[in-house]
């Protein structure tokens, strides 16, 4: 099924690969090397026309409380300036909006698809380097799953 770009040529001619929807979300638990007691959890749903991602953290220190609802951000590729995706916070929470925005913009740019990111990840007391390392780890893992899904589509045709 050929997707059409907004008022433009089909997305496939622009190098964007359409993926069939995933029936089950993929769950990933990613240890953070610069924060050894923190794990980043990713719930990834790759849809044909967009990506839906939820991020949260857990701490081995024994915090048994639930995470509060975090930020929800939408980013989409910018066809006029591909290096700068368009992004808006639909539900901003100050403690997580920067992390969600970074992840959403990077993923929209790299996948060529609109990306929704829900984020209740907390990095209390973390340095900028630790938070940026977490963004990189999350993006790398998500792009690996996206690439694997693209390869599966090319092999199976579905």
N, C-alpha and C. Protein backbone atom coordinates (compact mmCIF):
# COMPACT_ATOMS: atom_id res chain seq x y z
N UNK A 1 0.85 -1.17 0.00
CA UNK A 1 0.00 0.00 0.00
C UNK A 1 0.89 1.23 0.00
N UNK A 2 0.77 2.04 -0.97
CA UNK A 2 1.60 3.23 -1.09
C UNK A 2 1.00 4.35 -0.27
N UNK A 3 1.81 4.93 0.61
CA UNK A 3 1.36 6.07 1.40
C UNK A 3 1.66 7.34 0.65
N UNK A 4 0.80 8.32 0.77
CA UNK A 4 1.02 9.59 0.11
C UNK A 4 1.56 10.59 1.10
N UNK A 5 2.57 11.32 0.69
CA UNK A 5 3.05 12.42 1.50
C UNK A 5 2.03 13.55 1.44
N UNK A 6 1.98 14.39 2.44
CA UNK A 6 1.05 15.51 2.47
C UNK A 6 1.25 16.37 1.23
N UNK A 7 0.30 16.36 0.32
CA UNK A 7 0.35 17.15 -0.92
C UNK A 7 1.64 16.91 -1.71
N UNK A 8 2.10 15.69 -1.75
CA UNK A 8 3.33 15.42 -2.46
C UNK A 8 3.37 14.02 -3.01
N UNK A 9 4.56 13.60 -3.44
CA UNK A 9 4.71 12.27 -4.03
C UNK A 9 4.55 11.19 -2.95
N UNK A 10 4.35 9.95 -3.37
CA UNK A 10 4.24 8.87 -2.40
C UNK A 10 5.47 8.83 -1.48
N UNK A 11 5.23 8.46 -0.22
CA UNK A 11 6.32 8.41 0.75
C UNK A 11 7.42 7.45 0.34
N UNK A 12 7.04 6.35 -0.32
CA UNK A 12 8.04 5.36 -0.71
C UNK A 12 9.08 5.96 -1.65
N UNK A 13 8.66 6.90 -2.52
CA UNK A 13 9.60 7.54 -3.44
C UNK A 13 10.53 8.50 -2.70
N UNK A 14 10.19 8.84 -1.47
CA UNK A 14 11.03 9.71 -0.64
C UNK A 14 11.93 8.89 0.28
N UNK A 15 11.90 7.56 0.13
CA UNK A 15 12.75 6.69 0.94
C UNK A 15 12.13 6.26 2.25
N UNK A 16 10.84 6.51 2.46
CA UNK A 16 10.17 6.13 3.70
C UNK A 16 9.47 4.80 3.47
N UNK A 17 9.75 3.84 4.34
CA UNK A 17 9.17 2.51 4.23
C UNK A 17 7.95 2.41 5.14
N UNK A 18 6.78 2.06 4.59
CA UNK A 18 5.58 1.85 5.39
C UNK A 18 5.65 0.48 6.03
N UNK A 19 5.28 0.42 7.30
CA UNK A 19 5.29 -0.84 8.02
C UNK A 19 3.87 -1.23 8.40
N UNK A 20 3.55 -2.53 8.34
CA UNK A 20 2.23 -2.94 8.83
C UNK A 20 2.20 -2.77 10.34
N UNK A 21 1.01 -2.58 10.91
CA UNK A 21 0.94 -2.38 12.35
C UNK A 21 1.39 -3.61 13.12
N UNK A 22 1.95 -3.37 14.27
CA UNK A 22 2.33 -4.44 15.16
C UNK A 22 1.11 -4.76 16.01
N UNK A 23 0.76 -6.03 16.11
CA UNK A 23 -0.42 -6.37 16.88
C UNK A 23 -0.15 -6.28 18.38
N UNK A 24 1.05 -6.56 18.78
CA UNK A 24 1.41 -6.49 20.19
C UNK A 24 2.55 -5.49 20.37
N UNK A 25 2.44 -4.65 21.38
CA UNK A 25 3.57 -3.73 21.65
C UNK A 25 4.79 -4.53 22.09
N UNK A 26 5.94 -3.99 21.81
CA UNK A 26 7.20 -4.62 22.21
C UNK A 26 7.66 -3.93 23.50
N UNK A 27 8.06 -4.72 24.47
CA UNK A 27 8.53 -4.19 25.74
C UNK A 27 10.04 -4.40 25.84
N UNK A 28 10.76 -3.36 26.19
CA UNK A 28 12.21 -3.44 26.36
C UNK A 28 12.58 -2.89 27.73
N UNK A 29 13.53 -3.52 28.39
CA UNK A 29 14.09 -3.03 29.64
C UNK A 29 15.57 -2.77 29.39
N UNK A 30 15.98 -1.52 29.50
CA UNK A 30 17.34 -1.13 29.14
C UNK A 30 18.08 -0.59 30.37
N UNK A 31 19.09 -1.30 30.83
CA UNK A 31 19.88 -0.76 31.96
C UNK A 31 20.67 0.46 31.50
N UNK A 32 20.78 1.42 32.38
CA UNK A 32 21.51 2.65 32.06
C UNK A 32 22.91 2.58 32.66
N UNK A 33 23.94 2.56 31.82
CA UNK A 33 25.30 2.34 32.31
C UNK A 33 25.82 3.45 33.22
N UNK A 34 25.39 4.68 33.01
CA UNK A 34 25.86 5.77 33.86
C UNK A 34 25.03 5.92 35.13
N UNK A 35 23.90 5.21 35.19
CA UNK A 35 23.04 5.19 36.38
C UNK A 35 22.76 3.72 36.69
N UNK A 36 23.69 3.03 37.34
CA UNK A 36 23.62 1.57 37.44
C UNK A 36 22.38 1.02 38.16
N UNK A 37 21.71 1.81 38.95
CA UNK A 37 20.54 1.31 39.67
C UNK A 37 19.22 1.70 38.99
N UNK A 38 19.31 2.22 37.78
CA UNK A 38 18.12 2.67 37.06
C UNK A 38 17.96 1.89 35.76
N UNK A 39 16.73 1.48 35.49
CA UNK A 39 16.39 0.79 34.25
C UNK A 39 15.37 1.62 33.50
N UNK A 40 15.60 1.81 32.21
CA UNK A 40 14.65 2.51 31.35
C UNK A 40 13.77 1.47 30.68
N UNK A 41 12.46 1.61 30.84
CA UNK A 41 11.51 0.69 30.24
C UNK A 41 10.86 1.37 29.03
N UNK A 42 10.79 0.63 27.93
CA UNK A 42 10.24 1.15 26.67
C UNK A 42 9.09 0.24 26.25
N UNK A 43 7.98 0.85 25.93
CA UNK A 43 6.86 0.12 25.31
C UNK A 43 6.70 0.72 23.93
N UNK A 44 6.95 -0.09 22.92
CA UNK A 44 7.06 0.37 21.54
C UNK A 44 5.98 -0.28 20.68
N UNK A 45 5.21 0.55 20.01
CA UNK A 45 4.22 0.06 19.05
C UNK A 45 4.52 0.71 17.71
N UNK A 46 4.93 -0.10 16.75
CA UNK A 46 5.23 0.39 15.40
C UNK A 46 3.98 0.23 14.55
N UNK A 47 3.42 1.35 14.16
CA UNK A 47 2.23 1.34 13.31
C UNK A 47 2.63 1.67 11.88
N UNK A 48 1.74 1.43 10.95
CA UNK A 48 2.06 1.67 9.55
C UNK A 48 2.35 3.15 9.29
N UNK A 49 1.63 4.02 9.98
CA UNK A 49 1.77 5.44 9.70
C UNK A 49 2.44 6.24 10.80
N UNK A 50 2.73 5.61 11.94
CA UNK A 50 3.33 6.35 13.05
C UNK A 50 3.97 5.40 14.04
N UNK A 51 4.67 5.99 15.00
CA UNK A 51 5.27 5.24 16.10
C UNK A 51 4.63 5.71 17.39
N UNK A 52 4.37 4.78 18.30
CA UNK A 52 3.82 5.11 19.60
C UNK A 52 4.75 4.51 20.65
N UNK A 53 5.32 5.37 21.48
CA UNK A 53 6.35 4.94 22.42
C UNK A 53 6.04 5.48 23.80
N UNK A 54 6.19 4.63 24.80
CA UNK A 54 6.07 5.06 26.19
C UNK A 54 7.37 4.72 26.91
N UNK A 55 7.88 5.67 27.67
CA UNK A 55 9.14 5.50 28.39
C UNK A 55 8.92 5.76 29.88
N UNK A 56 9.51 4.93 30.71
CA UNK A 56 9.50 5.15 32.14
C UNK A 56 10.76 4.56 32.74
N UNK A 57 11.04 4.89 33.97
CA UNK A 57 12.22 4.36 34.64
C UNK A 57 11.81 3.67 35.93
N UNK A 58 12.64 2.71 36.34
CA UNK A 58 12.51 2.11 37.67
C UNK A 58 13.88 2.18 38.33
N UNK A 59 13.83 2.24 39.63
CA UNK A 59 15.05 2.35 40.42
C UNK A 59 15.12 1.14 41.35
N UNK A 60 16.27 0.50 41.39
CA UNK A 60 16.43 -0.68 42.24
C UNK A 60 16.47 -0.32 43.73
N UNK A 61 16.44 0.94 44.05
CA UNK A 61 16.53 1.37 45.44
C UNK A 61 15.28 0.99 46.24
N UNK A 62 14.30 0.45 45.57
CA UNK A 62 13.13 -0.05 46.30
C UNK A 62 11.93 0.86 46.28
N UNK A 63 11.92 1.83 45.41
CA UNK A 63 10.77 2.71 45.29
C UNK A 63 9.60 1.90 44.74
N UNK A 64 8.59 1.66 45.57
CA UNK A 64 7.47 0.83 45.15
C UNK A 64 6.28 1.66 44.68
N UNK A 65 6.44 2.96 44.61
CA UNK A 65 5.33 3.80 44.15
C UNK A 65 5.25 3.77 42.63
N UNK A 66 4.06 4.02 42.14
CA UNK A 66 3.84 4.08 40.69
C UNK A 66 4.37 5.40 40.16
N UNK A 67 4.72 5.39 38.89
CA UNK A 67 5.15 6.63 38.24
C UNK A 67 3.94 7.50 37.97
N UNK A 68 4.12 8.79 38.16
CA UNK A 68 3.05 9.73 37.83
C UNK A 68 2.95 9.85 36.31
N UNK A 69 1.80 10.28 35.85
CA UNK A 69 1.63 10.50 34.42
C UNK A 69 2.63 11.56 33.99
N UNK A 70 3.37 11.28 32.96
CA UNK A 70 4.40 12.21 32.50
C UNK A 70 3.95 12.96 31.27
N UNK A 71 4.91 13.45 30.53
CA UNK A 71 4.64 14.24 29.33
C UNK A 71 4.21 13.36 28.17
N UNK A 72 3.45 13.95 27.25
CA UNK A 72 3.07 13.28 26.02
C UNK A 72 3.39 14.25 24.89
N UNK A 73 4.27 13.83 23.98
CA UNK A 73 4.83 14.71 22.95
C UNK A 73 4.58 14.10 21.57
N UNK A 74 4.31 14.96 20.60
CA UNK A 74 4.11 14.55 19.21
C UNK A 74 5.17 15.23 18.35
N UNK A 75 5.86 14.46 17.53
CA UNK A 75 6.83 15.03 16.58
C UNK A 75 6.57 14.42 15.21
N UNK A 76 6.81 15.22 14.18
CA UNK A 76 6.64 14.72 12.82
C UNK A 76 7.75 15.25 11.94
N UNK A 77 8.10 14.49 10.90
CA UNK A 77 9.13 14.97 9.98
C UNK A 77 8.72 16.29 9.34
N UNK A 78 9.68 17.12 9.10
CA UNK A 78 9.45 18.41 8.46
C UNK A 78 9.90 18.28 7.01
N UNK A 79 8.96 18.30 6.07
CA UNK A 79 9.36 18.09 4.67
C UNK A 79 10.04 19.30 4.07
N UNK A 80 9.89 20.47 4.69
CA UNK A 80 10.58 21.66 4.19
C UNK A 80 12.00 21.78 4.73
N UNK A 81 12.22 21.25 5.92
CA UNK A 81 13.55 21.27 6.55
C UNK A 81 13.74 19.94 7.28
N UNK A 82 14.14 18.89 6.57
CA UNK A 82 14.21 17.54 7.14
C UNK A 82 15.10 17.40 8.38
N UNK A 83 16.05 18.30 8.55
CA UNK A 83 16.93 18.18 9.71
C UNK A 83 16.30 18.73 10.99
N UNK A 84 15.12 19.34 10.88
CA UNK A 84 14.47 19.94 12.05
C UNK A 84 13.01 19.50 12.12
N UNK A 85 12.72 18.33 12.76
CA UNK A 85 11.34 17.86 12.85
C UNK A 85 10.47 18.85 13.63
N UNK A 86 9.19 18.85 13.29
CA UNK A 86 8.23 19.67 14.01
C UNK A 86 7.79 18.92 15.26
N UNK A 87 7.62 19.63 16.36
CA UNK A 87 7.33 18.95 17.61
C UNK A 87 6.45 19.82 18.49
N UNK A 88 5.54 19.18 19.21
CA UNK A 88 4.73 19.90 20.18
C UNK A 88 4.45 19.00 21.37
N UNK A 89 4.44 19.59 22.54
CA UNK A 89 4.09 18.86 23.76
C UNK A 89 2.58 18.92 23.93
N UNK A 90 1.92 17.77 23.82
CA UNK A 90 0.47 17.72 23.96
C UNK A 90 0.07 17.78 25.43
N UNK A 91 0.90 17.19 26.29
CA UNK A 91 0.67 17.21 27.73
C UNK A 91 2.04 17.37 28.39
N UNK A 92 2.47 18.60 28.63
CA UNK A 92 3.81 18.80 29.19
C UNK A 92 3.85 18.68 30.71
N UNK A 93 4.83 17.95 31.20
CA UNK A 93 5.14 17.88 32.62
C UNK A 93 6.60 18.29 32.74
N UNK A 94 6.91 19.32 33.51
CA UNK A 94 8.27 19.87 33.52
C UNK A 94 9.39 18.85 33.74
N UNK A 95 9.15 17.83 34.55
CA UNK A 95 10.22 16.89 34.86
C UNK A 95 10.55 15.94 33.72
N UNK A 96 9.66 15.80 32.73
CA UNK A 96 9.92 14.82 31.66
C UNK A 96 9.76 15.37 30.25
N UNK A 97 9.36 16.62 30.09
CA UNK A 97 9.07 17.12 28.75
C UNK A 97 10.32 17.23 27.89
N UNK A 98 11.47 17.58 28.45
CA UNK A 98 12.70 17.70 27.65
C UNK A 98 13.13 16.33 27.12
N UNK A 99 13.11 15.32 27.98
CA UNK A 99 13.50 13.97 27.57
C UNK A 99 12.56 13.47 26.47
N UNK A 100 11.26 13.63 26.66
CA UNK A 100 10.27 13.18 25.68
C UNK A 100 10.43 13.91 24.35
N UNK A 101 10.68 15.22 24.41
CA UNK A 101 10.84 16.02 23.19
C UNK A 101 12.08 15.59 22.41
N UNK A 102 13.19 15.40 23.11
CA UNK A 102 14.42 14.94 22.43
C UNK A 102 14.19 13.62 21.73
N UNK A 103 13.62 12.66 22.46
CA UNK A 103 13.40 11.33 21.89
C UNK A 103 12.44 11.40 20.70
N UNK A 104 11.35 12.14 20.83
CA UNK A 104 10.36 12.23 19.75
C UNK A 104 10.95 12.85 18.49
N UNK A 105 11.70 13.93 18.64
CA UNK A 105 12.28 14.61 17.48
C UNK A 105 13.30 13.71 16.77
N UNK A 106 14.16 13.05 17.53
CA UNK A 106 15.16 12.17 16.93
C UNK A 106 14.48 11.03 16.19
N UNK A 107 13.48 10.41 16.82
CA UNK A 107 12.81 9.27 16.20
C UNK A 107 12.00 9.67 14.98
N UNK A 108 11.36 10.82 15.01
CA UNK A 108 10.61 11.28 13.84
C UNK A 108 11.56 11.53 12.67
N UNK A 109 12.71 12.10 12.97
CA UNK A 109 13.69 12.37 11.92
C UNK A 109 14.27 11.07 11.35
N UNK A 110 14.63 10.14 12.22
CA UNK A 110 15.29 8.91 11.77
C UNK A 110 14.33 7.92 11.11
N UNK A 111 13.07 7.86 11.56
CA UNK A 111 12.13 6.90 10.97
C UNK A 111 11.32 7.50 9.83
N UNK A 112 11.26 8.83 9.75
CA UNK A 112 10.48 9.47 8.72
C UNK A 112 8.98 9.39 8.95
N UNK A 113 8.58 9.09 10.20
CA UNK A 113 7.16 8.95 10.53
C UNK A 113 6.82 9.79 11.76
N UNK A 114 5.58 10.24 11.84
CA UNK A 114 5.14 10.91 13.06
C UNK A 114 5.34 9.98 14.26
N UNK A 115 5.75 10.57 15.37
CA UNK A 115 6.06 9.78 16.55
C UNK A 115 5.43 10.40 17.78
N UNK A 116 4.71 9.58 18.53
CA UNK A 116 4.13 9.98 19.81
C UNK A 116 5.00 9.39 20.91
N UNK A 117 5.40 10.20 21.88
CA UNK A 117 6.20 9.71 22.99
C UNK A 117 5.55 10.13 24.30
N UNK A 118 5.20 9.13 25.09
CA UNK A 118 4.74 9.35 26.45
C UNK A 118 5.93 9.07 27.36
N UNK A 119 6.19 9.94 28.30
CA UNK A 119 7.41 9.78 29.11
C UNK A 119 7.15 10.13 30.56
N UNK A 120 7.32 9.14 31.43
CA UNK A 120 7.28 9.39 32.86
C UNK A 120 8.62 9.02 33.48
N UNK A 121 9.65 9.00 32.64
CA UNK A 121 11.01 8.70 33.12
C UNK A 121 11.48 9.84 34.02
N UNK A 122 12.07 9.48 35.13
CA UNK A 122 12.61 10.49 36.04
C UNK A 122 14.09 10.24 36.25
N UNK A 123 14.83 11.31 36.28
CA UNK A 123 16.28 11.23 36.45
C UNK A 123 16.69 12.21 37.56
N UNK A 124 16.03 12.10 38.69
CA UNK A 124 16.32 13.00 39.80
C UNK A 124 17.78 12.95 40.19
N UNK A 125 18.44 14.09 40.18
CA UNK A 125 19.84 14.15 40.56
C UNK A 125 20.81 13.71 39.48
N UNK A 126 20.30 13.32 38.33
CA UNK A 126 21.18 12.85 37.26
C UNK A 126 21.86 14.04 36.57
N UNK A 127 23.04 13.79 36.05
CA UNK A 127 23.74 14.83 35.30
C UNK A 127 23.18 14.88 33.88
N UNK A 128 23.53 15.92 33.17
CA UNK A 128 23.11 16.05 31.78
C UNK A 128 23.64 14.87 30.97
N UNK A 129 24.88 14.46 31.24
CA UNK A 129 25.48 13.33 30.52
C UNK A 129 24.69 12.05 30.74
N UNK A 130 24.22 11.82 31.96
CA UNK A 130 23.44 10.61 32.25
C UNK A 130 22.10 10.63 31.51
N UNK A 131 21.46 11.79 31.48
CA UNK A 131 20.18 11.90 30.79
C UNK A 131 20.36 11.75 29.27
N UNK A 132 21.40 12.35 28.72
CA UNK A 132 21.66 12.22 27.28
C UNK A 132 22.03 10.79 26.91
N UNK A 133 22.75 10.10 27.79
CA UNK A 133 23.07 8.69 27.56
C UNK A 133 21.79 7.86 27.53
N UNK A 134 20.84 8.19 28.39
CA UNK A 134 19.56 7.48 28.41
C UNK A 134 18.79 7.72 27.12
N UNK A 135 18.79 8.95 26.61
CA UNK A 135 18.13 9.24 25.33
C UNK A 135 18.77 8.41 24.22
N UNK A 136 20.09 8.37 24.19
CA UNK A 136 20.81 7.62 23.14
C UNK A 136 20.49 6.13 23.22
N UNK A 137 20.49 5.58 24.42
CA UNK A 137 20.19 4.15 24.59
C UNK A 137 18.77 3.85 24.13
N UNK A 138 17.82 4.70 24.51
CA UNK A 138 16.42 4.48 24.11
C UNK A 138 16.27 4.57 22.60
N UNK A 139 16.81 5.61 22.00
CA UNK A 139 16.70 5.81 20.55
C UNK A 139 17.37 4.66 19.79
N UNK A 140 18.56 4.26 20.22
CA UNK A 140 19.25 3.16 19.55
C UNK A 140 18.44 1.88 19.60
N UNK A 141 17.86 1.57 20.75
CA UNK A 141 17.07 0.34 20.90
C UNK A 141 15.81 0.40 20.03
N UNK A 142 15.16 1.55 20.01
CA UNK A 142 13.93 1.70 19.21
C UNK A 142 14.25 1.62 17.72
N UNK A 143 15.34 2.26 17.30
CA UNK A 143 15.71 2.19 15.88
C UNK A 143 16.11 0.78 15.48
N UNK A 144 16.72 0.03 16.38
CA UNK A 144 17.05 -1.37 16.10
C UNK A 144 15.78 -2.18 15.86
N UNK A 145 14.77 -1.97 16.70
CA UNK A 145 13.49 -2.66 16.52
C UNK A 145 12.82 -2.22 15.22
N UNK A 146 12.88 -0.94 14.92
CA UNK A 146 12.28 -0.42 13.68
C UNK A 146 12.95 -1.02 12.45
N UNK A 147 14.28 -1.08 12.47
CA UNK A 147 15.03 -1.66 11.35
C UNK A 147 14.70 -3.14 11.19
N UNK A 148 14.59 -3.86 12.31
CA UNK A 148 14.24 -5.28 12.25
C UNK A 148 12.84 -5.46 11.66
N UNK A 149 11.92 -4.58 12.02
CA UNK A 149 10.57 -4.65 11.48
C UNK A 149 10.56 -4.36 9.97
N UNK A 150 11.36 -3.37 9.54
CA UNK A 150 11.48 -3.07 8.11
C UNK A 150 12.02 -4.28 7.35
N UNK A 151 13.05 -4.93 7.90
CA UNK A 151 13.65 -6.09 7.25
C UNK A 151 12.63 -7.23 7.15
N UNK A 152 11.83 -7.40 8.20
CA UNK A 152 10.80 -8.44 8.20
C UNK A 152 9.76 -8.16 7.11
N UNK A 153 9.41 -6.90 6.95
CA UNK A 153 8.43 -6.53 5.93
C UNK A 153 8.99 -6.82 4.55
N UNK A 154 10.28 -6.50 4.32
CA UNK A 154 10.88 -6.74 3.01
C UNK A 154 10.96 -8.22 2.70
N UNK A 155 11.24 -9.04 3.72
CA UNK A 155 11.37 -10.49 3.50
C UNK A 155 10.01 -11.13 3.33
N UNK A 156 9.08 -10.82 4.23
CA UNK A 156 7.77 -11.46 4.22
C UNK A 156 6.75 -10.76 3.35
N UNK A 157 6.97 -9.49 3.09
CA UNK A 157 6.02 -8.74 2.29
C UNK A 157 4.79 -8.33 3.08
N UNK A 158 4.80 -8.56 4.40
CA UNK A 158 3.65 -8.16 5.23
C UNK A 158 4.11 -7.45 6.46
